[in-house]
Amino acid sequence: MVRRLQPLLLAVLLTACALPAAAEEPRPERKVHSAGARTDTLSSPSREVYRVAILELEKNDWTIQRADSARGQIVTQWKKMDHPLARLVFRDIQARCVVDVMALSATSTEVRFRGGLAGPDDLDQSAAFGLAQTAYRKAAERWMDRVRATLAAPATAANSGSR
């Protein structure tokens, strides 16, 4: 009986191997891990900071999922993490940004940049998780520096638009 089933089993096995992996099994659930937060106070009106924050995210290939100017919150869509070593170690790690812009006065604004990393449940148990967090924190610092520089540039006031 086993010999008669061998060709059938071989055919089923070959067919299964030919299917793309996504068709065989559903993508496992992702767990979101904090990549840290960075808060800074900028000497600019909140409306201008909000506009520049979106501009600088979009310059870095982030797609804005939600921008709520009344709440002063910007949320990006998830995207694959760019850092080559993080991609090598984690393969399918994704990142997202949430930016909160809060007026402290007419000319002073607090900006809080929060990052999330999505990956397997045990992502935070990996020895390389610190690498992913560090890469993300450095990117957040560079983003904040670009926001600050754009706000300081003389053309910023002339390009005022709102979202």
C-alpha atoms as a PDB file:
ATOM      1  CA  MET A   1       0.000   0.000   0.000  1.00  0.00           C
ATOM      2  CA  VAL A   2       2.856   2.389   0.855  1.00  0.00           C
ATOM      3  CA  ARG A   3       4.423   1.800  -2.557  1.00  0.00           C
ATOM      4  CA  ARG A   4       1.172   2.774  -4.289  1.00  0.00           C
ATOM      5  CA  LEU A   5       0.984   6.030  -2.276  1.00  0.00           C
ATOM      6  CA  GLN A   6       4.612   7.029  -2.925  1.00  0.00           C
ATOM      7  CA  PRO A   7       3.915   8.689  -6.321  1.00  0.00           C
ATOM      8  CA  LEU A   8       0.935  10.531  -4.824  1.00  0.00           C
ATOM      9  CA  LEU A   9       2.941  11.705  -1.799  1.00  0.00           C
ATOM     10  CA  LEU A  10       5.793  12.789  -4.059  1.00  0.00           C
ATOM     11  CA  ALA A  11       3.374  14.793  -6.237  1.00  0.00           C
ATOM     12  CA  VAL A  12       1.831  16.485  -3.180  1.00  0.00           C
ATOM     13  CA  LEU A  13       5.279  17.302  -1.784  1.00  0.00           C
ATOM     14  CA  LEU A  14       6.520  18.752  -5.096  1.00  0.00           C
ATOM     15  CA  THR A  15       3.352  20.829  -5.486  1.00  0.00           C
ATOM     16  CA  ALA A  16       3.678  22.160  -1.946  1.00  0.00           C
ATOM     17  CA  CYS A  17       7.315  23.098  -2.529  1.00  0.00           C
ATOM     18  CA  ALA A  18       6.405  24.966  -5.704  1.00  0.00           C
ATOM     19  CA  LEU A  19       3.859  27.221  -3.949  1.00  0.00           C
ATOM     20  CA  PRO A  20       5.067  30.563  -2.626  1.00  0.00           C
ATOM     21  CA  ALA A  21       5.655  30.576   1.121  1.00  0.00           C
ATOM     22  CA  ALA A  22       2.931  33.169   1.707  1.00  0.00           C
ATOM     23  CA  ALA A  23       0.339  30.818   0.229  1.00  0.00           C
ATOM     24  CA  GLU A  24       1.363  27.972   2.542  1.00  0.00           C
ATOM     25  CA  GLU A  25       1.127  29.693   5.868  1.00  0.00           C
ATOM     26  CA  PRO A  26      -0.277  32.977   7.091  1.00  0.00           C
ATOM     27  CA  ARG A  27       2.189  35.649   8.115  1.00  0.00           C
ATOM     28  CA  PRO A  28       2.805  35.398  11.843  1.00  0.00           C
ATOM     29  CA  GLU A  29       1.495  38.187  14.035  1.00  0.00           C
ATOM     30  CA  ARG A  30       3.890  41.022  14.669  1.00  0.00           C
ATOM     31  CA  LYS A  31       4.605  42.366  18.125  1.00  0.00           C
ATOM     32  CA  VAL A  32       5.363  46.065  18.526  1.00  0.00           C
ATOM     33  CA  HIS A  33       8.415  46.965  20.597  1.00  0.00           C
ATOM     34  CA  SER A  34       9.391  50.462  21.685  1.00  0.00           C
ATOM     35  CA  ALA A  35      12.392  51.909  19.903  1.00  0.00           C
ATOM     36  CA  GLY A  36      12.510  54.769  22.370  1.00  0.00           C
ATOM     37  CA  ALA A  37      11.436  58.387  22.359  1.00  0.00           C
ATOM     38  CA  ARG A  38      13.181  61.679  21.791  1.00  0.00           C
ATOM     39  CA  THR A  39      11.756  64.948  23.080  1.00  0.00           C
ATOM     40  CA  ASP A  40      13.034  68.406  22.246  1.00  0.00           C
ATOM     41  CA  THR A  41      11.854  71.974  22.690  1.00  0.00           C
ATOM     42  CA  LEU A  42      12.061  74.188  19.622  1.00  0.00           C
ATOM     43  CA  SER A  43      11.839  77.973  19.476  1.00  0.00           C
ATOM     44  CA  SER A  44       9.199  78.090  16.741  1.00  0.00           C
ATOM     45  CA  PRO A  45       5.396  78.226  16.635  1.00  0.00           C
ATOM     46  CA  SER A  46       3.722  74.819  16.799  1.00  0.00           C
ATOM     47  CA  ARG A  47       1.968  75.239  13.440  1.00  0.00           C
ATOM     48  CA  GLU A  48       5.319  75.756  11.695  1.00  0.00           C
ATOM     49  CA  VAL A  49       6.951  72.853  13.576  1.00  0.00           C
ATOM     50  CA  TYR A  50       4.037  70.583  12.625  1.00  0.00           C
ATOM     51  CA  ARG A  51       4.397  71.483   8.925  1.00  0.00           C
ATOM     52  CA  VAL A  52       8.176  70.964   8.940  1.00  0.00           C
ATOM     53  CA  ALA A  53       7.863  67.676  10.872  1.00  0.00           C
ATOM     54  CA  ILE A  54       5.669  66.260   8.081  1.00  0.00           C
ATOM     55  CA  LEU A  55       7.980  67.655   5.401  1.00  0.00           C
ATOM     56  CA  GLU A  56      11.058  66.033   6.960  1.00  0.00           C
ATOM     57  CA  LEU A  57       9.323  62.663   7.432  1.00  0.00           C
ATOM     58  CA  GLU A  58       8.254  62.655   3.787  1.00  0.00           C
ATOM     59  CA  LYS A  59      11.791  63.589   2.671  1.00  0.00           C
ATOM     60  CA  ASN A  60      12.922  60.357   4.345  1.00  0.00           C
ATOM     61  CA  ASP A  61      10.423  58.228   2.431  1.00  0.00           C
ATOM     62  CA  TRP A  62       7.937  57.909   5.281  1.00  0.00           C
ATOM     63  CA  THR A  63       4.307  57.750   4.204  1.00  0.00           C
ATOM     64  CA  ILE A  64       2.004  59.668   6.498  1.00  0.00           C
ATOM     65  CA  GLN A  65      -0.867  57.451   7.613  1.00  0.00           C
ATOM     66  CA  ARG A  66      -2.576  60.065   9.766  1.00  0.00           C
ATOM     67  CA  ALA A  67      -1.883  63.737  10.367  1.00  0.00           C
ATOM     68  CA  ASP A  68      -4.146  65.387  12.934  1.00  0.00           C
ATOM     69  CA  SER A  69      -3.274  69.070  13.241  1.00  0.00           C
ATOM     70  CA  ALA A  70      -5.888  69.631  15.973  1.00  0.00           C
ATOM     71  CA  ARG A  71      -4.168  67.063  18.207  1.00  0.00           C
ATOM     72  CA  GLY A  72      -0.717  67.863  16.859  1.00  0.00           C
ATOM     73  CA  GLN A  73      -0.019  64.236  16.026  1.00  0.00           C
ATOM     74  CA  ILE A  74       1.582  62.628  12.977  1.00  0.00           C
ATOM     75  CA  VAL A  75       1.628  58.846  12.492  1.00  0.00           C
ATOM     76  CA  THR A  76       3.509  57.125   9.682  1.00  0.00           C
ATOM     77  CA  GLN A  77       2.722  53.845   8.014  1.00  0.00           C
ATOM     78  CA  TRP A  78       4.864  50.833   8.847  1.00  0.00           C
ATOM     79  CA  LYS A  79       7.848  50.302   6.558  1.00  0.00           C
ATOM     80  CA  LYS A  80      10.756  47.905   6.370  1.00  0.00           C
ATOM     81  CA  MET A  81      13.742  49.089   8.372  1.00  0.00           C
ATOM     82  CA  ASP A  82      16.570  50.420   6.183  1.00  0.00           C
ATOM     83  CA  HIS A  83      19.573  49.555   8.348  1.00  0.00           C
ATOM     84  CA  PRO A  84      21.455  46.765   6.476  1.00  0.00           C
ATOM     85  CA  LEU A  85      22.647  44.889   9.561  1.00  0.00           C
ATOM     86  CA  ALA A  86      19.231  45.048  11.217  1.00  0.00           C
ATOM     87  CA  ARG A  87      17.687  43.674   8.000  1.00  0.00           C
ATOM     88  CA  LEU A  88      20.276  40.907   7.865  1.00  0.00           C
ATOM     89  CA  VAL A  89      19.670  39.825  11.462  1.00  0.00           C
ATOM     90  CA  PHE A  90      15.885  40.305  11.666  1.00  0.00           C
ATOM     91  CA  ARG A  91      14.917  40.090   7.975  1.00  0.00           C
ATOM     92  CA  ASP A  92      11.363  41.376   8.258  1.00  0.00           C
ATOM     93  CA  ILE A  93      11.635  44.076  10.916  1.00  0.00           C
ATOM     94  CA  GLN A  94       9.417  47.109  10.369  1.00  0.00           C
ATOM     95  CA  ALA A  95       9.442  50.598  11.834  1.00  0.00           C
ATOM     96  CA  ARG A  96       6.922  53.366  12.419  1.00  0.00           C
ATOM     97  CA  CYS A  97       7.067  56.906  13.802  1.00  0.00           C
ATOM     98  CA  VAL A  98       4.624  58.858  15.922  1.00  0.00           C
ATOM     99  CA  VAL A  99       5.355  62.560  16.305  1.00  0.00           C
ATOM    100  CA  ASP A 100       3.548  64.733  18.842  1.00  0.00           C
ATOM    101  CA  VAL A 101       3.790  68.515  18.426  1.00  0.00           C
ATOM    102  CA  MET A 102       2.651  70.526  21.480  1.00  0.00           C
ATOM    103  CA  ALA A 103       2.611  74.307  21.774  1.00  0.00           C
ATOM    104  CA  LEU A 104       4.247  75.519  24.984  1.00  0.00           C
ATOM    105  CA  SER A 105       3.762  79.189  24.078  1.00  0.00           C
ATOM    106  CA  ALA A 106       3.271  81.266  20.942  1.00  0.00           C
ATOM    107  CA  THR A 107       6.938  80.746  19.986  1.00  0.00           C
ATOM    108  CA  SER A 108       7.946  77.556  21.792  1.00  0.00           C
ATOM    109  CA  THR A 109       6.992  73.995  20.856  1.00  0.00           C
ATOM    110  CA  GLU A 110       7.711  70.595  22.317  1.00  0.00           C
ATOM    111  CA  VAL A 111       8.251  67.794  19.808  1.00  0.00           C
ATOM    112  CA  ARG A 112       8.189  64.155  20.896  1.00  0.00           C
ATOM    113  CA  PHE A 113       9.339  61.543  18.385  1.00  0.00           C
ATOM    114  CA  ARG A 114       8.352  57.983  19.343  1.00  0.00           C
ATOM    115  CA  GLY A 115       9.446  54.959  17.414  1.00  0.00           C
ATOM    116  CA  GLY A 116       8.075  51.480  17.193  1.00  0.00           C
ATOM    117  CA  LEU A 117       9.678  48.341  15.825  1.00  0.00           C
ATOM    118  CA  ALA A 118       7.503  45.439  14.753  1.00  0.00           C
ATOM    119  CA  GLY A 119       8.867  41.958  14.576  1.00  0.00           C
ATOM    120  CA  PRO A 120       8.569  38.513  16.077  1.00  0.00           C
ATOM    121  CA  ASP A 121       7.397  38.160  19.685  1.00  0.00           C
ATOM    122  CA  ASP A 122      10.940  37.449  20.848  1.00  0.00           C
ATOM    123  CA  LEU A 123      12.522  40.413  19.043  1.00  0.00           C
ATOM    124  CA  ASP A 124      13.395  42.096  22.338  1.00  0.00           C
ATOM    125  CA  GLN A 125      15.122  38.903  23.529  1.00  0.00           C
ATOM    126  CA  SER A 126      17.567  38.963  20.622  1.00  0.00           C
ATOM    127  CA  ALA A 127      21.139  40.012  21.298  1.00  0.00           C
ATOM    128  CA  ALA A 128      20.872  42.285  18.260  1.00  0.00           C
ATOM    129  CA  PHE A 129      17.732  44.108  19.456  1.00  0.00           C
ATOM    130  CA  GLY A 130      19.904  46.856  20.943  1.00  0.00           C
ATOM    131  CA  LEU A 131      21.417  47.381  17.486  1.00  0.00           C
ATOM    132  CA  ALA A 132      17.991  47.943  15.962  1.00  0.00           C
ATOM    133  CA  GLN A 133      17.023  50.354  18.751  1.00  0.00           C
ATOM    134  CA  THR A 134      20.308  52.256  18.423  1.00  0.00           C
ATOM    135  CA  ALA A 135      19.932  52.566  14.644  1.00  0.00           C
ATOM    136  CA  TYR A 136      16.390  53.860  15.089  1.00  0.00           C
ATOM    137  CA  ARG A 137      17.391  56.333  17.825  1.00  0.00           C
ATOM    138  CA  LYS A 138      20.200  57.719  15.658  1.00  0.00           C
ATOM    139  CA  ALA A 139      17.760  58.147  12.780  1.00  0.00           C
ATOM    140  CA  ALA A 140      15.388  59.984  15.147  1.00  0.00           C
ATOM    141  CA  GLU A 141      18.205  62.309  16.220  1.00  0.00           C
ATOM    142  CA  ARG A 142      19.102  63.047  12.595  1.00  0.00           C
ATOM    143  CA  TRP A 143      15.421  63.731  11.840  1.00  0.00           C
ATOM    144  CA  MET A 144      15.185  66.144  14.782  1.00  0.00           C
ATOM    145  CA  ASP A 145      18.390  67.898  13.598  1.00  0.00           C
ATOM    146  CA  ARG A 146      16.869  68.293  10.111  1.00  0.00           C
ATOM    147  CA  VAL A 147      13.641  69.697  11.567  1.00  0.00           C
ATOM    148  CA  ARG A 148      15.686  72.179  13.586  1.00  0.00           C
ATOM    149  CA  ALA A 149      17.796  73.152  10.536  1.00  0.00           C
ATOM    150  CA  THR A 150      14.760  73.583   8.280  1.00  0.00           C
ATOM    151  CA  LEU A 151      13.082  75.783  10.876  1.00  0.00           C
ATOM    152  CA  ALA A 152      16.238  77.893  11.142  1.00  0.00           C
ATOM    153  CA  ALA A 153      16.523  78.352   7.357  1.00  0.00           C
ATOM    154  CA  PRO A 154      15.312  81.774   6.176  1.00  0.00           C
ATOM    155  CA  ALA A 155      13.030  80.270   3.484  1.00  0.00           C
ATOM    156  CA  THR A 156      10.903  78.390   6.055  1.00  0.00           C
ATOM    157  CA  ALA A 157       8.640  81.343   6.854  1.00  0.00           C
ATOM    158  CA  ALA A 158       8.040  82.031   3.147  1.00  0.00           C
ATOM    159  CA  ASN A 159       7.010  78.426   2.470  1.00  0.00           C
ATOM    160  CA  SER A 160       4.324  78.322   5.141  1.00  0.00           C
ATOM    161  CA  GLY A 161       1.526  76.023   4.171  1.00  0.00           C
ATOM    162  CA  SER A 162      -0.659  73.907   6.345  1.00  0.00           C
ATOM    163  CA  ARG A 163      -1.838  70.383   6.361  1.00  0.00           C
END
